[in-house]
């Protein structure tokens, strides 16, 4: 599957972004599979044509 996986070390969470349009059922199954494999929460964002990475400041 085409997409990008980002790890948020401060939160011990992942974000997976894909340009593919996923049905809610497929999105839920993908999220469940990734949580089981990675052992951490995963947010799945689909149908995203483009995005911009913004470097953050400090907390």
PDB file of N, CA and C in Angstrom:
ATOM      1  N   UNK A   1       0.852  -1.172   0.000  1.00  0.00           N
ATOM      2  CA  UNK A   1       0.000   0.000   0.000  1.00  0.00           C
ATOM      3  C   UNK A   1       0.896   1.232   0.000  1.00  0.00           C
ATOM      4  N   UNK A   2       0.543   2.183  -0.811  1.00  0.00           N
ATOM      5  CA  UNK A   2       1.282   3.431  -0.917  1.00  0.00           C
ATOM      6  C   UNK A   2       0.899   4.343   0.250  1.00  0.00           C
ATOM      7  N   UNK A   3       1.894   4.853   0.950  1.00  0.00           N
ATOM      8  CA  UNK A   3       1.624   5.765   2.052  1.00  0.00           C
ATOM      9  C   UNK A   3       2.892   6.083   2.818  1.00  0.00           C
ATOM     10  N   UNK A   4       2.752   6.937   3.796  1.00  0.00           N
ATOM     11  CA  UNK A   4       3.884   7.326   4.633  1.00  0.00           C
ATOM     12  C   UNK A   4       3.502   7.097   6.089  1.00  0.00           C
ATOM     13  N   UNK A   5       4.464   6.553   6.849  1.00  0.00           N
ATOM     14  CA  UNK A   5       4.252   6.274   8.256  1.00  0.00           C
ATOM     15  C   UNK A   5       5.151   7.198   9.067  1.00  0.00           C
ATOM     16  N   UNK A   6       4.557   7.943   9.978  1.00  0.00           N
ATOM     17  CA  UNK A   6       5.293   8.859  10.837  1.00  0.00           C
ATOM     18  C   UNK A   6       5.191   8.391  12.276  1.00  0.00           C
ATOM     19  N   UNK A   7       6.302   8.488  12.999  1.00  0.00           N
ATOM     20  CA  UNK A   7       6.318   8.123  14.413  1.00  0.00           C
ATOM     21  C   UNK A   7       6.433   9.383  15.253  1.00  0.00           C
ATOM     22  N   UNK A   8       5.529   9.544  16.195  1.00  0.00           N
ATOM     23  CA  UNK A   8       5.551  10.686  17.106  1.00  0.00           C
ATOM     24  C   UNK A   8       6.164  10.199  18.415  1.00  0.00           C
ATOM     25  N   UNK A   9       7.459  10.404  18.583  1.00  0.00           N
ATOM     26  CA  UNK A   9       8.163   9.831  19.728  1.00  0.00           C
ATOM     27  C   UNK A   9       7.676  10.392  21.059  1.00  0.00           C
ATOM     28  N   UNK A  10       7.278  11.649  21.095  1.00  0.00           N
ATOM     29  CA  UNK A  10       6.793  12.233  22.350  1.00  0.00           C
ATOM     30  C   UNK A  10       5.518  11.562  22.836  1.00  0.00           C
ATOM     31  N   UNK A  11       4.728  11.052  21.898  1.00  0.00           N
ATOM     32  CA  UNK A  11       3.432  10.458  22.232  1.00  0.00           C
ATOM     33  C   UNK A  11       3.424   8.933  22.107  1.00  0.00           C
ATOM     34  N   UNK A  12       4.512   8.349  21.567  1.00  0.00           N
ATOM     35  CA  UNK A  12       4.578   6.923  21.267  1.00  0.00           C
ATOM     36  C   UNK A  12       3.379   6.509  20.412  1.00  0.00           C
ATOM     37  N   UNK A  13       3.132   7.285  19.356  1.00  0.00           N
ATOM     38  CA  UNK A  13       2.036   7.025  18.426  1.00  0.00           C
ATOM     39  C   UNK A  13       2.539   7.136  16.993  1.00  0.00           C
ATOM     40  N   UNK A  14       1.798   6.531  16.088  1.00  0.00           N
ATOM     41  CA  UNK A  14       2.108   6.583  14.670  1.00  0.00           C
ATOM     42  C   UNK A  14       0.955   7.245  13.915  1.00  0.00           C
ATOM     43  N   UNK A  15       1.299   7.833  12.773  1.00  0.00           N
ATOM     44  CA  UNK A  15       0.300   8.348  11.839  1.00  0.00           C
ATOM     45  C   UNK A  15       0.642   7.765  10.470  1.00  0.00           C
ATOM     46  N   UNK A  16      -0.334   7.124   9.839  1.00  0.00           N
ATOM     47  CA  UNK A  16      -0.159   6.584   8.498  1.00  0.00           C
ATOM     48  C   UNK A  16      -1.028   7.400   7.554  1.00  0.00           C
ATOM     49  N   UNK A  17      -0.400   7.981   6.534  1.00  0.00           N
ATOM     50  CA  UNK A  17      -1.114   8.819   5.565  1.00  0.00           C
ATOM     51  C   UNK A  17      -1.015   8.162   4.197  1.00  0.00           C
ATOM     52  N   UNK A  18      -2.163   7.977   3.556  1.00  0.00           N
ATOM     53  CA  UNK A  18      -2.192   7.360   2.229  1.00  0.00           C
ATOM     54  C   UNK A  18      -3.070   8.175   1.280  1.00  0.00           C
ATOM     55  N   UNK A  19      -2.687   8.261   0.008  1.00  0.00           N
ATOM     56  CA  UNK A  19      -3.517   8.972  -0.961  1.00  0.00           C
ATOM     57  C   UNK A  19      -4.725   8.144  -1.408  1.00  0.00           C
ATOM     58  N   UNK A  20      -4.756   6.868  -1.045  1.00  0.00           N
ATOM     59  CA  UNK A  20      -5.840   5.986  -1.470  1.00  0.00           C
ATOM     60  C   UNK A  20      -7.120   6.294  -0.696  1.00  0.00           C
ATOM     61  N   UNK A  21      -8.240   6.215  -1.379  1.00  0.00           N
ATOM     62  CA  UNK A  21      -9.538   6.368  -0.725  1.00  0.00           C
ATOM     63  C   UNK A  21      -9.919   5.003  -0.154  1.00  0.00           C
ATOM     64  N   UNK A  22     -10.003   4.913   1.158  1.00  0.00           N
ATOM     65  CA  UNK A  22     -10.330   3.653   1.822  1.00  0.00           C
ATOM     66  C   UNK A  22     -11.742   3.710   2.394  1.00  0.00           C
ATOM     67  N   UNK A  23     -12.442   2.591   2.299  1.00  0.00           N
ATOM     68  CA  UNK A  23     -13.754   2.520   2.947  1.00  0.00           C
ATOM     69  C   UNK A  23     -13.512   2.483   4.456  1.00  0.00           C
ATOM     70  N   UNK A  24     -14.500   2.874   5.247  1.00  0.00           N
ATOM     71  CA  UNK A  24     -14.321   2.828   6.706  1.00  0.00           C
ATOM     72  C   UNK A  24     -13.943   1.435   7.215  1.00  0.00           C
ATOM     73  N   UNK A  25     -14.504   0.394   6.626  1.00  0.00           N
ATOM     74  CA  UNK A  25     -14.195  -0.969   7.047  1.00  0.00           C
ATOM     75  C   UNK A  25     -12.728  -1.315   6.789  1.00  0.00           C
ATOM     76  N   UNK A  26     -12.240  -1.003   5.604  1.00  0.00           N
ATOM     77  CA  UNK A  26     -10.843  -1.284   5.261  1.00  0.00           C
ATOM     78  C   UNK A  26      -9.911  -0.439   6.128  1.00  0.00           C
ATOM     79  N   UNK A  27     -10.273   0.801   6.336  1.00  0.00           N
ATOM     80  CA  UNK A  27      -9.467   1.699   7.169  1.00  0.00           C
ATOM     81  C   UNK A  27      -9.359   1.156   8.597  1.00  0.00           C
ATOM     82  N   UNK A  28     -10.468   0.681   9.154  1.00  0.00           N
ATOM     83  CA  UNK A  28     -10.466   0.121  10.505  1.00  0.00           C
ATOM     84  C   UNK A  28      -9.609  -1.141  10.591  1.00  0.00           C
ATOM     85  N   UNK A  29      -9.720  -2.013   9.583  1.00  0.00           N
ATOM     86  CA  UNK A  29      -8.918  -3.241   9.578  1.00  0.00           C
ATOM     87  C   UNK A  29      -7.433  -2.929   9.428  1.00  0.00           C
ATOM     88  N   UNK A  30      -7.100  -1.961   8.589  1.00  0.00           N
ATOM     89  CA  UNK A  30      -5.715  -1.550   8.415  1.00  0.00           C
ATOM     90  C   UNK A  30      -5.165  -0.989   9.726  1.00  0.00           C
ATOM     91  N   UNK A  31      -5.948  -0.152  10.369  1.00  0.00           N
ATOM     92  CA  UNK A  31      -5.530   0.445  11.634  1.00  0.00           C
ATOM     93  C   UNK A  31      -5.316  -0.646  12.696  1.00  0.00           C
ATOM     94  N   UNK A  32      -6.231  -1.582  12.793  1.00  0.00           N
ATOM     95  CA  UNK A  32      -6.112  -2.669  13.764  1.00  0.00           C
ATOM     96  C   UNK A  32      -4.861  -3.504  13.507  1.00  0.00           C
ATOM     97  N   UNK A  33      -4.594  -3.822  12.249  1.00  0.00           N
ATOM     98  CA  UNK A  33      -3.417  -4.604  11.883  1.00  0.00           C
ATOM     99  C   UNK A  33      -2.134  -3.857  12.252  1.00  0.00           C
ATOM    100  N   UNK A  34      -2.088  -2.569  11.963  1.00  0.00           N
ATOM    101  CA  UNK A  34      -0.887  -1.791  12.249  1.00  0.00           C
ATOM    102  C   UNK A  34      -0.662  -1.650  13.760  1.00  0.00           C
ATOM    103  N   UNK A  35      -1.731  -1.485  14.521  1.00  0.00           N
ATOM    104  CA  UNK A  35      -1.610  -1.395  15.984  1.00  0.00           C
ATOM    105  C   UNK A  35      -1.027  -2.701  16.531  1.00  0.00           C
ATOM    106  N   UNK A  36      -1.502  -3.828  16.026  1.00  0.00           N
ATOM    107  CA  UNK A  36      -0.997  -5.129  16.473  1.00  0.00           C
ATOM    108  C   UNK A  36       0.467  -5.310  16.106  1.00  0.00           C
ATOM    109  N   UNK A  37       0.855  -4.901  14.929  1.00  0.00           N
ATOM    110  CA  UNK A  37       2.242  -5.063  14.480  1.00  0.00           C
ATOM    111  C   UNK A  37       3.198  -4.098  15.173  1.00  0.00           C
ATOM    112  N   UNK A  38       2.755  -2.857  15.380  1.00  0.00           N
ATOM    113  CA  UNK A  38       3.643  -1.833  15.928  1.00  0.00           C
ATOM    114  C   UNK A  38       3.577  -1.728  17.452  1.00  0.00           C
ATOM    115  N   UNK A  39       2.497  -2.224  18.032  1.00  0.00           N
ATOM    116  CA  UNK A  39       2.363  -2.172  19.477  1.00  0.00           C
ATOM    117  C   UNK A  39       2.161  -0.778  20.028  1.00  0.00           C
ATOM    118  N   UNK A  40       1.588   0.095  19.230  1.00  0.00           N
ATOM    119  CA  UNK A  40       1.330   1.482  19.638  1.00  0.00           C
ATOM    120  C   UNK A  40       0.117   1.994  18.866  1.00  0.00           C
ATOM    121  N   UNK A  41      -0.551   3.026  19.369  1.00  0.00           N
ATOM    122  CA  UNK A  41      -1.691   3.602  18.646  1.00  0.00           C
ATOM    123  C   UNK A  41      -1.284   4.106  17.254  1.00  0.00           C
ATOM    124  N   UNK A  42      -2.186   3.936  16.301  1.00  0.00           N
ATOM    125  CA  UNK A  42      -1.956   4.372  14.920  1.00  0.00           C
ATOM    126  C   UNK A  42      -3.186   5.128  14.422  1.00  0.00           C
ATOM    127  N   UNK A  43      -2.973   6.315  13.887  1.00  0.00           N
ATOM    128  CA  UNK A  43      -4.041   7.066  13.226  1.00  0.00           C
ATOM    129  C   UNK A  43      -3.869   6.861  11.725  1.00  0.00           C
ATOM    130  N   UNK A  44      -4.932   6.502  11.036  1.00  0.00           N
ATOM    131  CA  UNK A  44      -4.886   6.284   9.591  1.00  0.00           C
ATOM    132  C   UNK A  44      -5.647   7.421   8.912  1.00  0.00           C
ATOM    133  N   UNK A  45      -4.952   8.145   8.053  1.00  0.00           N
ATOM    134  CA  UNK A  45      -5.552   9.239   7.292  1.00  0.00           C
ATOM    135  C   UNK A  45      -5.532   8.827   5.824  1.00  0.00           C
ATOM    136  N   UNK A  46      -6.699   8.750   5.202  1.00  0.00           N
ATOM    137  CA  UNK A  46      -6.771   8.298   3.810  1.00  0.00           C
ATOM    138  C   UNK A  46      -7.342   9.384   2.915  1.00  0.00           C
ATOM    139  N   UNK A  47      -7.241   9.120   1.604  1.00  0.00           N
ATOM    140  CA  UNK A  47      -7.738  10.042   0.580  1.00  0.00           C
ATOM    141  C   UNK A  47      -7.066  11.405   0.698  1.00  0.00           C
ATOM    142  N   UNK A  48      -5.763  11.366   0.908  1.00  0.00           N
ATOM    143  CA  UNK A  48      -4.980  12.585   1.082  1.00  0.00           C
ATOM    144  C   UNK A  48      -4.065  12.732  -0.141  1.00  0.00           C
ATOM    145  N   UNK A  49      -4.385  13.674  -1.016  1.00  0.00           N
ATOM    146  CA  UNK A  49      -3.603  13.852  -2.232  1.00  0.00           C
ATOM    147  C   UNK A  49      -2.207  14.395  -1.952  1.00  0.00           C
ATOM    148  N   UNK A  50      -2.107  15.297  -1.019  1.00  0.00           N
ATOM    149  CA  UNK A  50      -0.816  15.869  -0.694  1.00  0.00           C
ATOM    150  C   UNK A  50      -0.846  16.402   0.726  1.00  0.00           C
ATOM    151  N   UNK A  51       0.321  16.557   1.273  1.00  0.00           N
ATOM    152  CA  UNK A  51       0.433  17.138   2.604  1.00  0.00           C
ATOM    153  C   UNK A  51       1.774  17.836   2.709  1.00  0.00           C
ATOM    154  N   UNK A  52       1.905  18.658   3.675  1.00  0.00           N
ATOM    155  CA  UNK A  52       3.140  19.394   3.874  1.00  0.00           C
ATOM    156  C   UNK A  52       3.640  19.108   5.282  1.00  0.00           C
ATOM    157  N   UNK A  53       4.901  18.726   5.382  1.00  0.00           N
ATOM    158  CA  UNK A  53       5.490  18.470   6.689  1.00  0.00           C
ATOM    159  C   UNK A  53       5.975  19.797   7.253  1.00  0.00           C
ATOM    160  N   UNK A  54       5.476  20.151   8.407  1.00  0.00           N
ATOM    161  CA  UNK A  54       5.881  21.376   9.063  1.00  0.00           C
ATOM    162  C   UNK A  54       6.743  21.022  10.259  1.00  0.00           C
ATOM    163  N   UNK A  55       7.958  21.509  10.245  1.00  0.00           N
ATOM    164  CA  UNK A  55       8.817  21.225  11.399  1.00  0.00           C
ATOM    165  C   UNK A  55       8.298  22.043  12.572  1.00  0.00           C
ATOM    166  N   UNK A  56       8.140  21.375  13.686  1.00  0.00           N
ATOM    167  CA  UNK A  56       7.563  22.005  14.855  1.00  0.00           C
ATOM    168  C   UNK A  56       8.594  22.727  15.697  1.00  0.00           C
ATOM    169  N   UNK A  57       8.081  23.509  16.592  1.00  0.00           N
ATOM    170  CA  UNK A  57       8.935  24.199  17.558  1.00  0.00           C
ATOM    171  C   UNK A  57       9.158  23.298  18.750  1.00  0.00           C
ATOM    172  N   UNK A  58       9.491  23.870  19.841  1.00  0.00           N
ATOM    173  CA  UNK A  58       9.710  23.114  21.065  1.00  0.00           C
ATOM    174  C   UNK A  58       8.533  23.292  21.987  1.00  0.00           C
ATOM    175  N   UNK A  59       8.356  22.337  22.861  1.00  0.00           N
ATOM    176  CA  UNK A  59       7.266  22.410  23.838  1.00  0.00           C
ATOM    177  C   UNK A  59       7.722  23.163  25.058  1.00  0.00           C
TER     178      UNK A  59
END
